[in-house]
ModelCIF file with pLDDT and N, C-alpha, C, O atoms, coordinates in Angstrom:
data_MODEL
#
_entry.id   MODEL 
#
_entity.id                         1 
_entity.type                       polymer 
_entity.pdbx_number_of_molecules   1 
#
_entity_poly.entity_id                      1 
_entity_poly.type                           'polypeptide(L)' 
_entity_poly.nstd_linkage                   no 
_entity_poly.nstd_monomer                   no 
_entity_poly.pdbx_seq_one_letter_code       VDVAGSEIIGLVPLEALVDLAQVVLGIPDLRVSQVVEHHL 
_entity_poly.pdbx_seq_one_letter_code_can   VDVAGSEIIGLVPLEALVDLAQVVLGIPDLRVSQVVEHHL 
_entity_poly.pdbx_strand_id                 A 
#
loop_
_entity_poly_seq.entity_id 
_entity_poly_seq.num 
_entity_poly_seq.mon_id 
_entity_poly_seq.hetero 
1 1  VAL n 
1 2  ASP n 
1 3  VAL n 
1 4  ALA n 
1 5  GLY n 
1 6  SER n 
1 7  GLU n 
1 8  ILE n 
1 9  ILE n 
1 10 GLY n 
1 11 LEU n 
1 12 VAL n 
1 13 PRO n 
1 14 LEU n 
1 15 GLU n 
1 16 ALA n 
1 17 LEU n 
1 18 VAL n 
1 19 ASP n 
1 20 LEU n 
1 21 ALA n 
1 22 GLN n 
1 23 VAL n 
1 24 VAL n 
1 25 LEU n 
1 26 GLY n 
1 27 ILE n 
1 28 PRO n 
1 29 ASP n 
1 30 LEU n 
1 31 ARG n 
1 32 VAL n 
1 33 SER n 
1 34 GLN n 
1 35 VAL n 
1 36 VAL n 
1 37 GLU n 
1 38 HIS n 
1 39 HIS n 
1 40 LEU n 
#
_struct_asym.id          A 
_struct_asym.entity_id   1 
#
loop_
_ma_qa_metric.id 
_ma_qa_metric.mode 
_ma_qa_metric.name 
_ma_qa_metric.software_group_id 
_ma_qa_metric.type 
1 global pLDDT . pLDDT 
2 local  pLDDT . pLDDT 
#
_ma_qa_metric_global.metric_id      1 
_ma_qa_metric_global.metric_value   90.20 
_ma_qa_metric_global.model_id       1 
_ma_qa_metric_global.ordinal_id     1 
#
loop_
_ma_qa_metric_local.label_asym_id 
_ma_qa_metric_local.label_comp_id 
_ma_qa_metric_local.label_seq_id 
_ma_qa_metric_local.metric_id 
_ma_qa_metric_local.metric_value 
_ma_qa_metric_local.model_id 
_ma_qa_metric_local.ordinal_id 
A VAL 1  2 98.00 1 1  
A ASP 2  2 98.00 1 2  
A VAL 3  2 98.00 1 3  
A ALA 4  2 97.00 1 4  
A GLY 5  2 96.00 1 5  
A SER 6  2 96.00 1 6  
A GLU 7  2 96.00 1 7  
A ILE 8  2 96.00 1 8  
A ILE 9  2 95.00 1 9  
A GLY 10 2 92.00 1 10 
A LEU 11 2 93.00 1 11 
A VAL 12 2 93.00 1 12 
A PRO 13 2 92.00 1 13 
A LEU 14 2 92.00 1 14 
A GLU 15 2 92.00 1 15 
A ALA 16 2 93.00 1 16 
A LEU 17 2 92.00 1 17 
A VAL 18 2 92.00 1 18 
A ASP 19 2 89.00 1 19 
A LEU 20 2 90.00 1 20 
A ALA 21 2 91.00 1 21 
A GLN 22 2 92.00 1 22 
A VAL 23 2 89.00 1 23 
A VAL 24 2 89.00 1 24 
A LEU 25 2 89.00 1 25 
A GLY 26 2 91.00 1 26 
A ILE 27 2 92.00 1 27 
A PRO 28 2 90.00 1 28 
A ASP 29 2 92.00 1 29 
A LEU 30 2 91.00 1 30 
A ARG 31 2 90.00 1 31 
A VAL 32 2 89.00 1 32 
A SER 33 2 88.00 1 33 
A GLN 34 2 90.00 1 34 
A VAL 35 2 86.00 1 35 
A VAL 36 2 82.00 1 36 
A GLU 37 2 77.00 1 37 
A HIS 38 2 79.00 1 38 
A HIS 39 2 72.00 1 39 
A LEU 40 2 69.00 1 40 
#
loop_
_atom_site.group_PDB 
_atom_site.id 
_atom_site.type_symbol 
_atom_site.label_atom_id 
_atom_site.label_alt_id 
_atom_site.label_comp_id 
_atom_site.label_asym_id 
_atom_site.label_entity_id 
_atom_site.label_seq_id 
_atom_site.pdbx_PDB_ins_code 
_atom_site.Cartn_x 
_atom_site.Cartn_y 
_atom_site.Cartn_z 
_atom_site.occupancy 
_atom_site.B_iso_or_equiv 
_atom_site.pdbx_formal_charge 
_atom_site.auth_seq_id 
_atom_site.auth_comp_id 
_atom_site.auth_asym_id 
_atom_site.auth_atom_id 
_atom_site.pdbx_PDB_model_num 
ATOM 1   N N  . VAL A 1 1  ? 0.677  -1.269 0.143  1.00 98.00 ? 1  VAL A N  1 
ATOM 2   C CA . VAL A 1 1  ? 0.542  -0.156 -0.127 1.00 98.00 ? 1  VAL A CA 1 
ATOM 3   C C  . VAL A 1 1  ? 1.462  1.311  0.493  1.00 98.00 ? 1  VAL A C  1 
ATOM 4   O O  . VAL A 1 1  ? 2.303  1.505  1.371  1.00 98.00 ? 1  VAL A O  1 
ATOM 5   N N  . ASP A 1 2  ? 0.618  2.287  -0.705 1.00 98.00 ? 2  ASP A N  1 
ATOM 6   C CA . ASP A 1 2  ? 1.310  3.686  -0.784 1.00 98.00 ? 2  ASP A CA 1 
ATOM 7   C C  . ASP A 1 2  ? 1.074  4.444  0.250  1.00 98.00 ? 2  ASP A C  1 
ATOM 8   O O  . ASP A 1 2  ? 0.021  3.988  0.695  1.00 98.00 ? 2  ASP A O  1 
ATOM 9   N N  . VAL A 1 3  ? 1.369  5.248  0.859  1.00 98.00 ? 3  VAL A N  1 
ATOM 10  C CA . VAL A 1 3  ? 1.253  6.547  1.784  1.00 98.00 ? 3  VAL A CA 1 
ATOM 11  C C  . VAL A 1 3  ? 0.680  7.917  0.876  1.00 98.00 ? 3  VAL A C  1 
ATOM 12  O O  . VAL A 1 3  ? 1.211  8.619  0.015  1.00 98.00 ? 3  VAL A O  1 
ATOM 13  N N  . ALA A 1 4  ? -0.943 7.918  1.657  1.00 97.00 ? 4  ALA A N  1 
ATOM 14  C CA . ALA A 1 4  ? -1.196 9.211  0.180  1.00 97.00 ? 4  ALA A CA 1 
ATOM 15  C C  . ALA A 1 4  ? -0.967 10.670 1.184  1.00 97.00 ? 4  ALA A C  1 
ATOM 16  O O  . ALA A 1 4  ? -1.217 11.850 0.936  1.00 97.00 ? 4  ALA A O  1 
ATOM 17  N N  . GLY A 1 5  ? -0.619 10.272 1.912  1.00 96.00 ? 5  GLY A N  1 
ATOM 18  C CA . GLY A 1 5  ? 0.570  11.943 2.390  1.00 96.00 ? 5  GLY A CA 1 
ATOM 19  C C  . GLY A 1 5  ? -0.425 12.003 3.862  1.00 96.00 ? 5  GLY A C  1 
ATOM 20  O O  . GLY A 1 5  ? -1.385 11.254 4.040  1.00 96.00 ? 5  GLY A O  1 
ATOM 21  N N  . SER A 1 6  ? -0.023 12.920 4.718  1.00 96.00 ? 6  SER A N  1 
ATOM 22  C CA . SER A 1 6  ? -0.066 13.062 6.026  1.00 96.00 ? 6  SER A CA 1 
ATOM 23  C C  . SER A 1 6  ? -0.567 14.240 6.383  1.00 96.00 ? 6  SER A C  1 
ATOM 24  O O  . SER A 1 6  ? -0.532 15.234 5.658  1.00 96.00 ? 6  SER A O  1 
ATOM 25  N N  . GLU A 1 7  ? -1.091 14.197 7.583  1.00 96.00 ? 7  GLU A N  1 
ATOM 26  C CA . GLU A 1 7  ? -1.907 15.647 8.051  1.00 96.00 ? 7  GLU A CA 1 
ATOM 27  C C  . GLU A 1 7  ? -1.438 15.948 9.588  1.00 96.00 ? 7  GLU A C  1 
ATOM 28  O O  . GLU A 1 7  ? -0.724 15.090 10.106 1.00 96.00 ? 7  GLU A O  1 
ATOM 29  N N  . ILE A 1 8  ? -1.766 17.039 10.313 1.00 96.00 ? 8  ILE A N  1 
ATOM 30  C CA . ILE A 1 8  ? -1.304 17.433 11.226 1.00 96.00 ? 8  ILE A CA 1 
ATOM 31  C C  . ILE A 1 8  ? -2.820 18.043 11.787 1.00 96.00 ? 8  ILE A C  1 
ATOM 32  O O  . ILE A 1 8  ? -3.423 18.584 10.860 1.00 96.00 ? 8  ILE A O  1 
ATOM 33  N N  . ILE A 1 9  ? -3.356 18.067 12.723 1.00 95.00 ? 9  ILE A N  1 
ATOM 34  C CA . ILE A 1 9  ? -4.842 18.608 13.282 1.00 95.00 ? 9  ILE A CA 1 
ATOM 35  C C  . ILE A 1 9  ? -4.712 19.840 14.437 1.00 95.00 ? 9  ILE A C  1 
ATOM 36  O O  . ILE A 1 9  ? -4.108 19.535 15.465 1.00 95.00 ? 9  ILE A O  1 
ATOM 37  N N  . GLY A 1 10 ? -4.991 20.559 14.377 1.00 92.00 ? 10 GLY A N  1 
ATOM 38  C CA . GLY A 1 10 ? -4.522 21.976 14.960 1.00 92.00 ? 10 GLY A CA 1 
ATOM 39  C C  . GLY A 1 10 ? -3.280 21.909 15.199 1.00 92.00 ? 10 GLY A C  1 
ATOM 40  O O  . GLY A 1 10 ? -2.668 21.134 14.463 1.00 92.00 ? 10 GLY A O  1 
ATOM 41  N N  . LEU A 1 11 ? -2.372 22.735 16.383 1.00 93.00 ? 11 LEU A N  1 
ATOM 42  C CA . LEU A 1 11 ? -1.144 23.093 16.684 1.00 93.00 ? 11 LEU A CA 1 
ATOM 43  C C  . LEU A 1 11 ? -0.382 22.499 16.328 1.00 93.00 ? 11 LEU A C  1 
ATOM 44  O O  . LEU A 1 11 ? -0.992 21.509 15.925 1.00 93.00 ? 11 LEU A O  1 
ATOM 45  N N  . VAL A 1 12 ? 0.893  22.296 16.105 1.00 93.00 ? 12 VAL A N  1 
ATOM 46  C CA . VAL A 1 12 ? 2.269  21.956 16.403 1.00 93.00 ? 12 VAL A CA 1 
ATOM 47  C C  . VAL A 1 12 ? 3.594  22.476 16.864 1.00 93.00 ? 12 VAL A C  1 
ATOM 48  O O  . VAL A 1 12 ? 4.263  23.274 16.209 1.00 93.00 ? 12 VAL A O  1 
ATOM 49  N N  . PRO A 1 13 ? 3.989  21.912 18.194 1.00 92.00 ? 13 PRO A N  1 
ATOM 50  C CA . PRO A 1 13 ? 5.329  22.961 18.560 1.00 92.00 ? 13 PRO A CA 1 
ATOM 51  C C  . PRO A 1 13 ? 6.730  22.779 17.705 1.00 92.00 ? 13 PRO A C  1 
ATOM 52  O O  . PRO A 1 13 ? 7.439  21.802 17.465 1.00 92.00 ? 13 PRO A O  1 
ATOM 53  N N  . LEU A 1 14 ? 6.791  24.050 17.391 1.00 92.00 ? 14 LEU A N  1 
ATOM 54  C CA . LEU A 1 14 ? 8.154  24.710 16.727 1.00 92.00 ? 14 LEU A CA 1 
ATOM 55  C C  . LEU A 1 14 ? 8.876  23.716 16.865 1.00 92.00 ? 14 LEU A C  1 
ATOM 56  O O  . LEU A 1 14 ? 9.277  23.179 15.832 1.00 92.00 ? 14 LEU A O  1 
ATOM 57  N N  . GLU A 1 15 ? 9.259  23.171 18.133 1.00 92.00 ? 15 GLU A N  1 
ATOM 58  C CA . GLU A 1 15 ? 10.677 22.321 17.967 1.00 92.00 ? 15 GLU A CA 1 
ATOM 59  C C  . GLU A 1 15 ? 10.591 21.092 17.371 1.00 92.00 ? 15 GLU A C  1 
ATOM 60  O O  . GLU A 1 15 ? 11.540 20.581 16.776 1.00 92.00 ? 15 GLU A O  1 
ATOM 61  N N  . ALA A 1 16 ? 9.637  20.642 17.478 1.00 93.00 ? 16 ALA A N  1 
ATOM 62  C CA . ALA A 1 16 ? 8.901  19.060 16.598 1.00 93.00 ? 16 ALA A CA 1 
ATOM 63  C C  . ALA A 1 16 ? 9.275  19.485 15.170 1.00 93.00 ? 16 ALA A C  1 
ATOM 64  O O  . ALA A 1 16 ? 9.955  18.731 14.474 1.00 93.00 ? 16 ALA A O  1 
ATOM 65  N N  . LEU A 1 17 ? 8.898  20.533 14.772 1.00 92.00 ? 17 LEU A N  1 
ATOM 66  C CA . LEU A 1 17 ? 9.431  20.708 13.569 1.00 92.00 ? 17 LEU A CA 1 
ATOM 67  C C  . LEU A 1 17 ? 10.764 20.960 12.860 1.00 92.00 ? 17 LEU A C  1 
ATOM 68  O O  . LEU A 1 17 ? 11.090 20.696 11.703 1.00 92.00 ? 17 LEU A O  1 
ATOM 69  N N  . VAL A 1 18 ? 11.428 21.521 13.823 1.00 92.00 ? 18 VAL A N  1 
ATOM 70  C CA . VAL A 1 18 ? 13.072 21.596 13.888 1.00 92.00 ? 18 VAL A CA 1 
ATOM 71  C C  . VAL A 1 18 ? 13.514 20.461 14.154 1.00 92.00 ? 18 VAL A C  1 
ATOM 72  O O  . VAL A 1 18 ? 14.615 20.322 13.620 1.00 92.00 ? 18 VAL A O  1 
ATOM 73  N N  . ASP A 1 19 ? 13.104 19.304 14.891 1.00 89.00 ? 19 ASP A N  1 
ATOM 74  C CA . ASP A 1 19 ? 13.341 18.313 14.577 1.00 89.00 ? 19 ASP A CA 1 
ATOM 75  C C  . ASP A 1 19 ? 13.627 17.398 13.338 1.00 89.00 ? 19 ASP A C  1 
ATOM 76  O O  . ASP A 1 19 ? 14.559 16.636 13.078 1.00 89.00 ? 19 ASP A O  1 
ATOM 77  N N  . LEU A 1 20 ? 12.397 17.778 12.617 1.00 90.00 ? 20 LEU A N  1 
ATOM 78  C CA . LEU A 1 20 ? 12.238 16.980 11.732 1.00 90.00 ? 20 LEU A CA 1 
ATOM 79  C C  . LEU A 1 20 ? 13.729 17.494 10.257 1.00 90.00 ? 20 LEU A C  1 
ATOM 80  O O  . LEU A 1 20 ? 14.375 16.844 9.435  1.00 90.00 ? 20 LEU A O  1 
ATOM 81  N N  . ALA A 1 21 ? 13.640 19.067 10.678 1.00 91.00 ? 21 ALA A N  1 
ATOM 82  C CA . ALA A 1 21 ? 14.292 19.353 9.442  1.00 91.00 ? 21 ALA A CA 1 
ATOM 83  C C  . ALA A 1 21 ? 15.901 19.172 10.056 1.00 91.00 ? 21 ALA A C  1 
ATOM 84  O O  . ALA A 1 21 ? 16.868 19.413 9.333  1.00 91.00 ? 21 ALA A O  1 
ATOM 85  N N  . GLN A 1 22 ? 16.036 18.766 11.331 1.00 92.00 ? 22 GLN A N  1 
ATOM 86  C CA . GLN A 1 22 ? 17.808 18.727 11.365 1.00 92.00 ? 22 GLN A CA 1 
ATOM 87  C C  . GLN A 1 22 ? 17.728 16.944 10.574 1.00 92.00 ? 22 GLN A C  1 
ATOM 88  O O  . GLN A 1 22 ? 18.603 16.710 9.740  1.00 92.00 ? 22 GLN A O  1 
ATOM 89  N N  . VAL A 1 23 ? 17.152 16.313 10.746 1.00 89.00 ? 23 VAL A N  1 
ATOM 90  C CA . VAL A 1 23 ? 16.788 14.639 10.146 1.00 89.00 ? 23 VAL A CA 1 
ATOM 91  C C  . VAL A 1 23 ? 17.184 14.980 8.578  1.00 89.00 ? 23 VAL A C  1 
ATOM 92  O O  . VAL A 1 23 ? 18.298 14.765 8.101  1.00 89.00 ? 23 VAL A O  1 
ATOM 93  N N  . VAL A 1 24 ? 16.195 15.486 7.947  1.00 89.00 ? 24 VAL A N  1 
ATOM 94  C CA . VAL A 1 24 ? 15.660 15.690 6.671  1.00 89.00 ? 24 VAL A CA 1 
ATOM 95  C C  . VAL A 1 24 ? 16.468 16.122 5.773  1.00 89.00 ? 24 VAL A C  1 
ATOM 96  O O  . VAL A 1 24 ? 16.710 15.750 4.625  1.00 89.00 ? 24 VAL A O  1 
ATOM 97  N N  . LEU A 1 25 ? 17.096 17.454 6.818  1.00 89.00 ? 25 LEU A N  1 
ATOM 98  C CA . LEU A 1 25 ? 18.084 18.271 5.820  1.00 89.00 ? 25 LEU A CA 1 
ATOM 99  C C  . LEU A 1 25 ? 19.220 17.975 6.095  1.00 89.00 ? 25 LEU A C  1 
ATOM 100 O O  . LEU A 1 25 ? 20.063 17.958 5.199  1.00 89.00 ? 25 LEU A O  1 
ATOM 101 N N  . GLY A 1 26 ? 19.473 17.739 7.088  1.00 91.00 ? 26 GLY A N  1 
ATOM 102 C CA . GLY A 1 26 ? 21.210 16.609 7.735  1.00 91.00 ? 26 GLY A CA 1 
ATOM 103 C C  . GLY A 1 26 ? 21.438 17.982 8.487  1.00 91.00 ? 26 GLY A C  1 
ATOM 104 O O  . GLY A 1 26 ? 22.599 18.381 8.392  1.00 91.00 ? 26 GLY A O  1 
ATOM 105 N N  . ILE A 1 27 ? 20.828 18.560 9.007  1.00 92.00 ? 27 ILE A N  1 
ATOM 106 C CA . ILE A 1 27 ? 20.818 19.657 9.359  1.00 92.00 ? 27 ILE A CA 1 
ATOM 107 C C  . ILE A 1 27 ? 21.185 19.154 11.336 1.00 92.00 ? 27 ILE A C  1 
ATOM 108 O O  . ILE A 1 27 ? 20.377 19.676 12.104 1.00 92.00 ? 27 ILE A O  1 
ATOM 109 N N  . PRO A 1 28 ? 22.036 18.450 11.866 1.00 90.00 ? 28 PRO A N  1 
ATOM 110 C CA . PRO A 1 28 ? 22.217 18.179 13.242 1.00 90.00 ? 28 PRO A CA 1 
ATOM 111 C C  . PRO A 1 28 ? 21.982 19.197 14.776 1.00 90.00 ? 28 PRO A C  1 
ATOM 112 O O  . PRO A 1 28 ? 21.467 19.055 15.885 1.00 90.00 ? 28 PRO A O  1 
ATOM 113 N N  . ASP A 1 29 ? 22.741 20.289 13.977 1.00 92.00 ? 29 ASP A N  1 
ATOM 114 C CA . ASP A 1 29 ? 22.466 21.840 15.016 1.00 92.00 ? 29 ASP A CA 1 
ATOM 115 C C  . ASP A 1 29 ? 21.809 22.315 15.208 1.00 92.00 ? 29 ASP A C  1 
ATOM 116 O O  . ASP A 1 29 ? 21.800 23.131 16.130 1.00 92.00 ? 29 ASP A O  1 
ATOM 117 N N  . LEU A 1 30 ? 20.513 21.990 14.152 1.00 91.00 ? 30 LEU A N  1 
ATOM 118 C CA . LEU A 1 30 ? 19.785 23.460 13.988 1.00 91.00 ? 30 LEU A CA 1 
ATOM 119 C C  . LEU A 1 30 ? 19.060 23.247 15.468 1.00 91.00 ? 30 LEU A C  1 
ATOM 120 O O  . LEU A 1 30 ? 18.881 22.272 16.199 1.00 91.00 ? 30 LEU A O  1 
ATOM 121 N N  . ARG A 1 31 ? 18.614 25.184 15.558 1.00 90.00 ? 31 ARG A N  1 
ATOM 122 C CA . ARG A 1 31 ? 18.001 24.747 16.798 1.00 90.00 ? 31 ARG A CA 1 
ATOM 123 C C  . ARG A 1 31 ? 16.758 26.168 16.810 1.00 90.00 ? 31 ARG A C  1 
ATOM 124 O O  . ARG A 1 31 ? 16.799 27.307 16.344 1.00 90.00 ? 31 ARG A O  1 
ATOM 125 N N  . VAL A 1 32 ? 15.945 25.563 17.420 1.00 89.00 ? 32 VAL A N  1 
ATOM 126 C CA . VAL A 1 32 ? 14.652 26.669 17.578 1.00 89.00 ? 32 VAL A CA 1 
ATOM 127 C C  . VAL A 1 32 ? 14.791 28.276 17.324 1.00 89.00 ? 32 VAL A C  1 
ATOM 128 O O  . VAL A 1 32 ? 14.183 28.989 16.527 1.00 89.00 ? 32 VAL A O  1 
ATOM 129 N N  . SER A 1 33 ? 16.015 28.665 18.480 1.00 88.00 ? 33 SER A N  1 
ATOM 130 C CA . SER A 1 33 ? 16.444 30.023 18.258 1.00 88.00 ? 33 SER A CA 1 
ATOM 131 C C  . SER A 1 33 ? 17.017 30.348 17.262 1.00 88.00 ? 33 SER A C  1 
ATOM 132 O O  . SER A 1 33 ? 17.581 31.437 17.151 1.00 88.00 ? 33 SER A O  1 
ATOM 133 N N  . GLN A 1 34 ? 16.969 29.325 16.213 1.00 90.00 ? 34 GLN A N  1 
ATOM 134 C CA . GLN A 1 34 ? 17.578 30.175 14.750 1.00 90.00 ? 34 GLN A CA 1 
ATOM 135 C C  . GLN A 1 34 ? 16.494 30.559 13.876 1.00 90.00 ? 34 GLN A C  1 
ATOM 136 O O  . GLN A 1 34 ? 16.533 31.149 12.797 1.00 90.00 ? 34 GLN A O  1 
ATOM 137 N N  . VAL A 1 35 ? 15.220 29.979 14.750 1.00 86.00 ? 35 VAL A N  1 
ATOM 138 C CA . VAL A 1 35 ? 14.192 30.415 13.814 1.00 86.00 ? 35 VAL A CA 1 
ATOM 139 C C  . VAL A 1 35 ? 13.600 32.091 13.378 1.00 86.00 ? 35 VAL A C  1 
ATOM 140 O O  . VAL A 1 35 ? 13.938 32.587 14.452 1.00 86.00 ? 35 VAL A O  1 
ATOM 141 N N  . VAL A 1 36 ? 13.257 32.754 12.950 1.00 82.00 ? 36 VAL A N  1 
ATOM 142 C CA . VAL A 1 36 ? 13.131 33.879 12.912 1.00 82.00 ? 36 VAL A CA 1 
ATOM 143 C C  . VAL A 1 36 ? 12.246 34.307 14.038 1.00 82.00 ? 36 VAL A C  1 
ATOM 144 O O  . VAL A 1 36 ? 12.536 34.898 15.078 1.00 82.00 ? 36 VAL A O  1 
ATOM 145 N N  . GLU A 1 37 ? 10.826 33.767 13.483 1.00 77.00 ? 37 GLU A N  1 
ATOM 146 C CA . GLU A 1 37 ? 9.701  33.558 14.016 1.00 77.00 ? 37 GLU A CA 1 
ATOM 147 C C  . GLU A 1 37 ? 9.595  33.712 15.620 1.00 77.00 ? 37 GLU A C  1 
ATOM 148 O O  . GLU A 1 37 ? 8.901  34.463 16.306 1.00 77.00 ? 37 GLU A O  1 
ATOM 149 N N  . HIS A 1 38 ? 10.442 32.824 15.926 1.00 79.00 ? 38 HIS A N  1 
ATOM 150 C CA . HIS A 1 38 ? 11.317 32.216 17.549 1.00 79.00 ? 38 HIS A CA 1 
ATOM 151 C C  . HIS A 1 38 ? 11.437 33.945 18.500 1.00 79.00 ? 38 HIS A C  1 
ATOM 152 O O  . HIS A 1 38 ? 11.137 34.134 19.679 1.00 79.00 ? 38 HIS A O  1 
ATOM 153 N N  . HIS A 1 39 ? 11.930 34.905 17.566 1.00 72.00 ? 39 HIS A N  1 
ATOM 154 C CA . HIS A 1 39 ? 12.349 35.704 17.839 1.00 72.00 ? 39 HIS A CA 1 
ATOM 155 C C  . HIS A 1 39 ? 11.276 37.173 18.336 1.00 72.00 ? 39 HIS A C  1 
ATOM 156 O O  . HIS A 1 39 ? 11.248 37.945 19.294 1.00 72.00 ? 39 HIS A O  1 
ATOM 157 N N  . LEU A 1 40 ? 10.621 37.015 17.282 1.00 69.00 ? 40 LEU A N  1 
ATOM 158 C CA . LEU A 1 40 ? 9.082  37.892 16.714 1.00 69.00 ? 40 LEU A CA 1 
ATOM 159 C C  . LEU A 1 40 ? 8.195  37.419 17.857 1.00 69.00 ? 40 LEU A C  1 
ATOM 160 O O  . LEU A 1 40 ? 7.015  37.768 17.908 1.00 69.00 ? 40 LEU A O  1 
#
């Protein structure tokens, strides 16, 4: 069976998305504090 896609219901913590970027983009040292919106 193929995956048709995924979805998130409601809100998601920024940290959870940064964790994804660390692995998928190969940036193990990426931190939430490097996200512009975190400071704004």
